[in-house]
N, C-alpha and C. Protein backbone atom coordinates (compact mmCIF):
# COMPACT_ATOMS: atom_id res chain seq x y z
N MET A 1 12.61 5.43 -1.96
CA MET A 1 12.13 3.98 -2.14
C MET A 1 11.38 4.34 -3.21
N GLY A 2 11.16 3.59 -4.42
CA GLY A 2 9.97 3.92 -5.29
C GLY A 2 8.74 2.98 -5.06
N LEU A 3 7.45 3.40 -5.36
CA LEU A 3 6.25 2.90 -5.21
C LEU A 3 6.18 1.57 -5.22
N LYS A 4 6.73 0.96 -6.48
CA LYS A 4 6.82 -0.44 -6.40
C LYS A 4 7.57 -1.12 -5.22
N LYS A 5 8.59 -0.72 -4.91
CA LYS A 5 9.32 -1.23 -3.34
C LYS A 5 8.43 -0.87 -2.08
N VAL A 6 7.96 0.38 -2.17
CA VAL A 6 7.04 0.53 -0.95
C VAL A 6 5.82 -0.54 -0.95
N LEU A 7 5.28 -0.71 -2.05
CA LEU A 7 4.02 -1.72 -2.17
C LEU A 7 4.45 -2.89 -1.85
N THR A 8 5.80 -3.73 -2.41
CA THR A 8 6.09 -4.92 -2.17
C THR A 8 6.48 -5.09 -0.80
N VAL A 9 7.03 -4.16 0.00
CA VAL A 9 7.65 -4.33 1.21
C VAL A 9 6.30 -4.41 2.15
N LEU A 10 5.44 -3.31 1.88
CA LEU A 10 3.92 -3.49 2.89
C LEU A 10 3.31 -4.43 2.45
N ALA A 11 3.37 -5.48 1.45
CA ALA A 11 2.74 -6.54 1.44
C ALA A 11 3.02 -7.59 2.01
N ALA A 12 4.47 -7.64 2.19
CA ALA A 12 5.32 -8.74 2.80
C ALA A 12 5.04 -8.51 4.25
N ALA A 13 5.06 -7.50 4.82
CA ALA A 13 4.94 -6.99 6.06
C ALA A 13 3.68 -7.28 6.68
N ALA A 14 2.42 -6.86 5.62
CA ALA A 14 0.97 -7.20 6.16
C ALA A 14 0.81 -8.68 6.25
N ALA A 15 1.53 -9.66 5.20
CA ALA A 15 1.17 -11.08 5.54
C ALA A 15 1.98 -11.49 6.47
N VAL A 16 3.25 -11.14 6.99
CA VAL A 16 3.51 -11.85 7.93
C VAL A 16 3.02 -11.55 9.35
N THR A 17 2.54 -10.19 9.62
CA THR A 17 1.97 -9.36 10.65
C THR A 17 0.65 -10.24 10.78
N ALA A 18 -0.01 -10.51 9.86
CA ALA A 18 -1.23 -11.32 9.74
C ALA A 18 -0.95 -12.85 9.87
N GLY A 19 0.01 -13.24 9.71
CA GLY A 19 -0.03 -14.64 9.97
C GLY A 19 -0.38 -15.28 8.72
N SER A 20 -0.39 -14.71 7.74
CA SER A 20 -0.90 -15.55 6.39
C SER A 20 0.24 -16.31 5.72
N ARG A 21 0.10 -17.60 5.92
CA ARG A 21 0.96 -18.09 4.86
C ARG A 21 0.76 -18.00 3.47
N GLN A 22 -0.63 -17.82 3.10
CA GLN A 22 -0.98 -17.75 1.87
C GLN A 22 -0.31 -16.57 1.27
N GLY A 23 -0.28 -15.76 2.16
CA GLY A 23 0.15 -14.15 1.63
C GLY A 23 1.41 -14.24 1.44
N LEU A 24 2.31 -14.99 2.33
CA LEU A 24 3.64 -15.10 1.79
C LEU A 24 4.14 -16.09 0.82
N GLN A 25 3.38 -17.12 0.62
CA GLN A 25 3.44 -17.91 -0.49
C GLN A 25 3.45 -17.00 -1.92
N ALA A 26 1.88 -16.27 -1.70
CA ALA A 26 2.03 -15.47 -3.03
C ALA A 26 2.84 -14.67 -3.27
N LEU A 27 3.40 -13.79 -2.43
CA LEU A 27 4.31 -12.85 -2.43
C LEU A 27 5.65 -13.51 -3.08
N GLN A 28 6.02 -14.57 -2.72
CA GLN A 28 7.26 -15.30 -3.02
C GLN A 28 7.10 -15.82 -4.45
N ALA A 29 5.82 -16.40 -5.16
CA ALA A 29 5.79 -16.65 -6.34
C ALA A 29 5.67 -15.72 -7.22
N ALA A 30 5.89 -14.07 -6.81
CA ALA A 30 6.03 -13.14 -7.50
C ALA A 30 6.90 -12.76 -8.20
N GLY A 31 8.04 -13.77 -7.85
CA GLY A 31 9.18 -13.56 -8.68
C GLY A 31 10.08 -12.46 -8.17
N ASP A 32 10.48 -11.36 -8.71
CA ASP A 32 11.42 -10.39 -7.99
C ASP A 32 10.96 -9.60 -6.98
N ALA A 33 9.59 -9.52 -6.95
CA ALA A 33 9.08 -9.30 -5.43
C ALA A 33 9.09 -10.19 -4.39
N GLY A 34 9.19 -11.40 -4.58
CA GLY A 34 9.34 -12.44 -3.49
C GLY A 34 10.54 -12.42 -2.58
N ASN A 35 10.52 -13.01 -1.73
CA ASN A 35 11.51 -12.98 -0.66
C ASN A 35 12.61 -14.36 -1.02
N PRO A 36 13.67 -13.94 -1.51
CA PRO A 36 14.74 -15.09 -1.75
C PRO A 36 14.98 -16.09 -0.61
N TYR A 37 15.01 -15.27 0.46
CA TYR A 37 15.58 -16.34 2.03
C TYR A 37 14.47 -16.86 2.38
N GLY A 38 13.14 -16.81 2.35
CA GLY A 38 11.85 -17.43 2.70
C GLY A 38 11.00 -16.42 3.47
N GLU A 39 10.65 -17.38 4.87
CA GLU A 39 9.93 -16.58 5.80
C GLU A 39 10.84 -16.09 6.59
N PRO A 40 10.52 -15.05 7.46
CA PRO A 40 11.27 -14.47 8.47
C PRO A 40 12.04 -15.47 9.18
N PHE A 41 13.43 -15.00 9.56
CA PHE A 41 14.24 -15.84 10.32
C PHE A 41 14.95 -14.88 11.24
N ARG A 42 15.48 -15.49 12.43
CA ARG A 42 15.70 -14.87 13.71
C ARG A 42 17.21 -14.49 13.68
N LEU A 43 17.49 -13.24 13.93
CA LEU A 43 19.20 -12.76 14.21
C LEU A 43 19.14 -11.57 15.26
N GLU A 44 20.45 -11.36 15.73
CA GLU A 44 20.78 -10.37 16.35
C GLU A 44 20.61 -8.91 15.71
N CYS A 45 20.19 -8.01 16.43
CA CYS A 45 19.88 -6.60 15.87
C CYS A 45 20.84 -5.54 16.66
N THR A 46 21.90 -5.06 16.34
CA THR A 46 22.40 -4.02 16.91
C THR A 46 22.00 -2.36 16.34
N ALA A 47 22.89 -1.56 16.58
CA ALA A 47 22.70 -0.09 16.22
C ALA A 47 24.22 0.58 15.86
N TYR A 48 24.22 1.49 15.21
CA TYR A 48 25.41 2.38 14.91
C TYR A 48 24.90 3.75 14.45
N TYR A 49 25.77 4.68 14.80
CA TYR A 49 25.76 5.98 14.49
C TYR A 49 26.63 6.66 13.74
N GLU A 50 27.84 6.38 13.75
CA GLU A 50 28.92 6.90 13.21
C GLU A 50 29.21 6.43 11.83
N GLY A 51 30.00 7.42 11.18
CA GLY A 51 30.28 6.92 9.62
C GLY A 51 29.63 7.70 8.67
N GLU A 52 30.22 8.04 7.45
CA GLU A 52 29.71 9.01 6.41
C GLU A 52 28.76 8.33 5.34
N VAL A 53 29.54 7.14 4.74
CA VAL A 53 29.44 6.61 3.78
C VAL A 53 29.39 5.18 3.88
N THR A 54 28.38 4.47 3.10
CA THR A 54 28.06 3.17 3.56
C THR A 54 28.58 2.39 2.25
N ALA A 55 28.87 1.21 2.57
CA ALA A 55 29.20 0.43 1.36
C ALA A 55 28.73 0.51 -0.04
N SER A 56 27.62 1.07 -0.26
CA SER A 56 26.79 0.85 -1.18
C SER A 56 27.50 2.42 -1.80
N GLY A 57 28.24 3.25 -0.94
CA GLY A 57 28.38 4.67 -1.53
C GLY A 57 27.58 5.61 -1.20
N GLN A 58 26.57 5.49 -0.66
CA GLN A 58 25.56 6.28 -0.47
C GLN A 58 25.75 6.85 0.88
N GLU A 59 25.33 8.19 1.28
CA GLU A 59 25.63 8.64 3.02
C GLU A 59 24.74 7.84 3.66
N VAL A 60 25.15 7.61 5.05
CA VAL A 60 24.39 6.94 6.11
C VAL A 60 23.18 8.05 6.32
N ARG A 61 22.19 7.27 6.78
CA ARG A 61 20.80 8.15 7.25
C ARG A 61 19.90 7.16 8.01
N THR A 62 18.92 7.53 8.61
CA THR A 62 18.30 6.64 9.00
C THR A 62 17.27 5.94 7.84
N GLY A 63 16.92 4.63 8.20
CA GLY A 63 16.02 3.94 7.18
C GLY A 63 16.95 2.88 6.72
N ILE A 64 18.31 2.68 6.91
CA ILE A 64 19.43 1.83 6.41
C ILE A 64 19.80 1.01 7.54
N CYS A 65 20.39 0.12 6.97
CA CYS A 65 21.05 -1.00 8.09
C CYS A 65 22.51 -1.58 7.19
N ALA A 66 23.20 -2.19 8.01
CA ALA A 66 24.21 -3.17 7.60
C ALA A 66 23.88 -4.42 7.66
N GLY A 67 24.31 -5.23 6.86
CA GLY A 67 24.00 -6.51 6.82
C GLY A 67 25.20 -7.42 5.91
N LYS A 68 24.94 -8.85 5.89
CA LYS A 68 25.72 -9.53 5.19
C LYS A 68 25.93 -8.95 3.45
N ARG A 69 26.88 -9.25 3.24
CA ARG A 69 27.36 -8.54 1.70
C ARG A 69 26.46 -8.88 0.60
N GLU A 70 25.89 -10.25 0.78
CA GLU A 70 25.23 -10.90 -0.22
C GLU A 70 23.65 -10.08 -0.32
N TRP A 71 23.30 -9.36 0.95
CA TRP A 71 22.09 -8.77 1.02
C TRP A 71 21.99 -7.50 0.31
N LEU A 72 23.30 -6.96 0.38
CA LEU A 72 23.70 -5.32 -0.28
C LEU A 72 22.68 -5.29 -1.34
N GLY A 73 21.94 -3.93 -1.11
CA GLY A 73 20.87 -3.72 -1.93
C GLY A 73 19.53 -4.18 -1.96
N LEU A 74 19.29 -5.29 -1.03
CA LEU A 74 18.12 -5.64 -0.67
C LEU A 74 17.19 -4.70 0.42
N THR A 75 16.28 -5.14 0.93
CA THR A 75 15.39 -4.44 1.91
C THR A 75 15.17 -5.46 2.89
N CYS A 76 15.20 -4.84 4.29
CA CYS A 76 14.70 -6.12 5.18
C CYS A 76 13.70 -5.72 6.07
N ILE A 77 12.73 -6.36 6.47
CA ILE A 77 11.47 -5.70 7.21
C ILE A 77 11.92 -6.57 8.55
N VAL A 78 12.03 -5.70 9.58
CA VAL A 78 12.34 -6.10 10.98
C VAL A 78 11.08 -6.30 11.82
N TYR A 79 11.10 -7.33 12.51
CA TYR A 79 9.97 -7.77 13.59
C TYR A 79 10.61 -7.78 15.01
N ALA A 80 10.06 -7.32 16.10
CA ALA A 80 10.50 -7.94 17.24
C ALA A 80 10.11 -9.53 17.50
N ASP A 81 10.94 -10.04 18.41
CA ASP A 81 10.92 -11.27 19.09
C ASP A 81 10.04 -11.46 19.87
N ASP A 82 9.22 -12.21 19.90
CA ASP A 82 7.78 -12.60 20.59
C ASP A 82 7.60 -13.98 20.95
N GLY A 83 8.88 -14.23 21.72
CA GLY A 83 9.18 -15.72 22.43
C GLY A 83 9.43 -16.87 21.31
N GLY A 84 10.20 -16.34 20.25
CA GLY A 84 10.58 -17.19 19.47
C GLY A 84 9.77 -17.11 18.15
N LYS A 85 9.01 -16.44 17.83
CA LYS A 85 8.37 -16.03 16.45
C LYS A 85 8.23 -14.49 16.38
N PRO A 86 7.99 -14.09 15.04
CA PRO A 86 7.72 -12.99 14.89
C PRO A 86 6.56 -12.06 15.53
N GLY A 87 7.26 -10.66 16.02
CA GLY A 87 6.01 -10.00 16.84
C GLY A 87 5.71 -8.80 16.01
N ASP A 88 5.90 -7.85 17.03
CA ASP A 88 5.48 -6.47 16.16
C ASP A 88 6.29 -5.90 15.16
N TYR A 89 6.04 -5.26 14.39
CA TYR A 89 6.33 -4.92 13.20
C TYR A 89 7.46 -3.76 13.71
N ILE A 90 8.78 -3.37 13.38
CA ILE A 90 9.63 -2.39 13.99
C ILE A 90 9.75 -1.65 12.81
N GLY A 91 10.37 -1.82 11.58
CA GLY A 91 10.43 -1.06 10.82
C GLY A 91 10.98 -1.73 9.36
N ILE A 92 11.30 -1.21 8.30
CA ILE A 92 11.74 -1.43 7.05
C ILE A 92 13.09 -0.76 6.95
N TYR A 93 14.12 -1.38 6.68
CA TYR A 93 15.49 -0.67 6.20
C TYR A 93 16.20 -1.11 4.91
N GLU A 94 16.73 -0.26 4.09
CA GLU A 94 17.28 -0.92 3.17
C GLU A 94 18.74 -1.33 3.34
N ILE A 95 19.20 -2.26 3.07
CA ILE A 95 20.86 -2.62 3.30
C ILE A 95 21.82 -2.52 2.42
N LEU A 96 22.24 -1.18 3.04
CA LEU A 96 22.95 -0.37 2.16
C LEU A 96 24.59 -0.34 2.52
N ASP A 97 24.63 -1.32 3.96
CA ASP A 97 26.10 -1.10 4.39
C ASP A 97 26.48 -2.65 5.03
N THR A 98 27.64 -2.87 4.95
CA THR A 98 27.91 -4.40 5.31
C THR A 98 28.67 -4.42 6.81
N GLY A 99 28.87 -3.45 7.41
CA GLY A 99 29.42 -3.29 8.85
C GLY A 99 31.08 -3.94 8.65
N GLY A 100 31.56 -3.77 10.02
CA GLY A 100 32.82 -4.33 10.14
C GLY A 100 32.75 -5.61 10.97
N ALA A 101 31.85 -6.01 11.99
CA ALA A 101 32.01 -7.00 12.48
C ALA A 101 31.69 -8.43 11.95
N SER A 102 32.17 -9.16 12.42
CA SER A 102 32.21 -10.60 11.76
C SER A 102 30.56 -11.27 11.71
N ARG A 103 30.35 -10.93 12.69
CA ARG A 103 28.42 -11.31 13.15
C ARG A 103 27.83 -10.76 12.03
N ILE A 104 27.86 -9.52 11.74
CA ILE A 104 27.26 -9.03 10.44
C ILE A 104 27.76 -9.59 8.98
N ARG A 105 28.98 -9.61 8.86
CA ARG A 105 29.59 -10.49 7.60
C ARG A 105 29.19 -11.69 7.26
N GLU A 106 28.95 -12.34 8.33
CA GLU A 106 28.42 -13.76 8.45
C GLU A 106 26.87 -13.71 8.36
N GLY A 107 26.23 -12.66 8.53
CA GLY A 107 24.84 -12.70 8.37
C GLY A 107 23.86 -13.34 9.61
N LYS A 108 24.81 -13.00 10.84
CA LYS A 108 24.05 -13.45 12.04
C LYS A 108 23.55 -12.21 12.92
N CYS A 109 24.09 -11.04 12.21
CA CYS A 109 23.49 -9.57 12.79
C CYS A 109 23.15 -8.84 11.79
N ILE A 110 22.34 -8.03 12.21
CA ILE A 110 22.07 -6.80 11.29
C ILE A 110 22.28 -5.44 12.03
N ASP A 111 22.81 -4.54 11.55
CA ASP A 111 23.06 -2.96 12.30
C ASP A 111 22.43 -2.09 11.50
N ILE A 112 21.60 -1.66 12.68
CA ILE A 112 20.70 -0.33 11.96
C ILE A 112 21.38 0.84 12.35
N TYR A 113 21.18 1.61 11.32
CA TYR A 113 21.85 3.24 11.46
C TYR A 113 20.62 3.89 12.36
N MET A 114 21.02 4.96 13.22
CA MET A 114 20.41 5.54 14.10
C MET A 114 21.00 7.01 14.40
N ASP A 115 20.09 7.75 14.78
CA ASP A 115 20.75 9.11 14.99
C ASP A 115 21.03 9.32 16.12
N GLY A 116 22.67 8.84 16.35
CA GLY A 116 23.12 9.21 17.64
C GLY A 116 23.46 8.39 18.47
N ARG A 117 24.36 8.60 19.46
CA ARG A 117 24.99 7.69 20.44
C ARG A 117 23.72 7.37 21.58
N ASP A 118 22.91 8.04 21.97
CA ASP A 118 21.84 7.80 23.03
C ASP A 118 20.65 6.71 22.61
N ALA A 119 20.33 7.23 21.19
CA ALA A 119 19.47 6.16 20.57
C ALA A 119 20.18 4.60 20.12
N CYS A 120 21.52 4.39 20.06
CA CYS A 120 21.88 3.31 19.85
C CYS A 120 22.15 2.45 21.15
N LEU A 121 22.46 3.48 22.20
CA LEU A 121 22.60 2.97 23.71
C LEU A 121 21.08 2.22 24.01
N GLU A 122 20.29 3.25 23.93
CA GLU A 122 18.70 2.77 24.25
C GLU A 122 18.28 1.52 23.61
N TRP A 123 18.76 1.33 22.27
CA TRP A 123 18.32 0.03 21.44
C TRP A 123 19.12 -1.08 22.14
N GLY A 124 20.42 -1.02 22.04
CA GLY A 124 21.24 -2.24 22.91
C GLY A 124 21.59 -3.00 21.78
N ILE A 125 21.34 -4.55 22.17
CA ILE A 125 21.37 -5.84 21.18
C ILE A 125 20.04 -6.46 21.60
N ARG A 126 19.24 -6.69 20.49
CA ARG A 126 18.25 -7.19 20.54
C ARG A 126 17.79 -8.50 19.39
N ASP A 127 17.38 -9.56 19.97
CA ASP A 127 17.10 -10.66 19.07
C ASP A 127 15.65 -10.15 18.32
N VAL A 128 15.62 -10.12 16.96
CA VAL A 128 14.75 -10.05 15.89
C VAL A 128 14.41 -10.71 15.18
N TRP A 129 13.28 -10.74 14.30
CA TRP A 129 12.89 -11.43 13.12
C TRP A 129 13.10 -10.70 11.91
N VAL A 130 13.76 -11.15 10.72
CA VAL A 130 14.03 -10.04 9.65
C VAL A 130 13.62 -11.06 8.51
N GLN A 131 12.79 -10.23 7.76
CA GLN A 131 12.43 -11.08 6.24
C GLN A 131 13.02 -10.05 5.17
N ILE A 132 13.94 -10.77 4.48
CA ILE A 132 14.71 -10.06 3.44
C ILE A 132 13.93 -10.17 2.15
N VAL A 133 13.74 -9.00 1.36
CA VAL A 133 12.83 -8.82 0.19
C VAL A 133 13.54 -8.13 -1.05
N ASP A 134 13.71 -8.54 -2.04
CA ASP A 134 14.06 -8.08 -3.31
C ASP A 134 13.13 -7.15 -3.70
N ALA A 135 13.12 -5.99 -3.42
CA ALA A 135 12.14 -4.96 -3.71
C ALA A 135 12.17 -4.02 -4.31
N ASP A 136 13.25 -4.17 -5.41
CA ASP A 136 13.93 -3.22 -6.24
C ASP A 136 12.85 -2.90 -7.29
N GLY A 137 12.70 -1.41 -7.29
CA GLY A 137 12.00 -0.72 -8.32
C GLY A 137 11.21 0.54 -7.84
C-alpha cells in the first residue's frame, strides 16, 4: 500500500472511530480520497482460506477480501457491529477478489482472506460495518 493510500485509510478510520461527522465530510470532499459510498454501512462478513489467485490477478494473501465486482481495487475499512452502529476497528482490506457466492457478488457480504481453516472457522459469519474508500495511490 502506498503512503497516500495508508494516510487516506487511516484518516477515514480515525474519523469514524471518533464519531466525527465533520471528519467524514472533509474526507468525502477530498475527491479521489473520499468514500464514494458514503458513511459506513452494515453487511455480513465471512472468511476464506483457499485459492491461489484473486480476480485482480494477484496472489491471495492476508489483508485482502472479496467483494462486489464494482468495488474491485478499492479499500474497505471494517468495524465490528456495536448494536446497530460501527464499533471497534477490525482492519483494513484491499478488495482484490470477487468471490463465488451470490451474496458477495450482490454486495451483501465481504469475504476476508485468512491463513487457514481454523482462523476462518473461528471468524465464522459476522455482521460488520464497512466503509469503502478509493484510496489509490
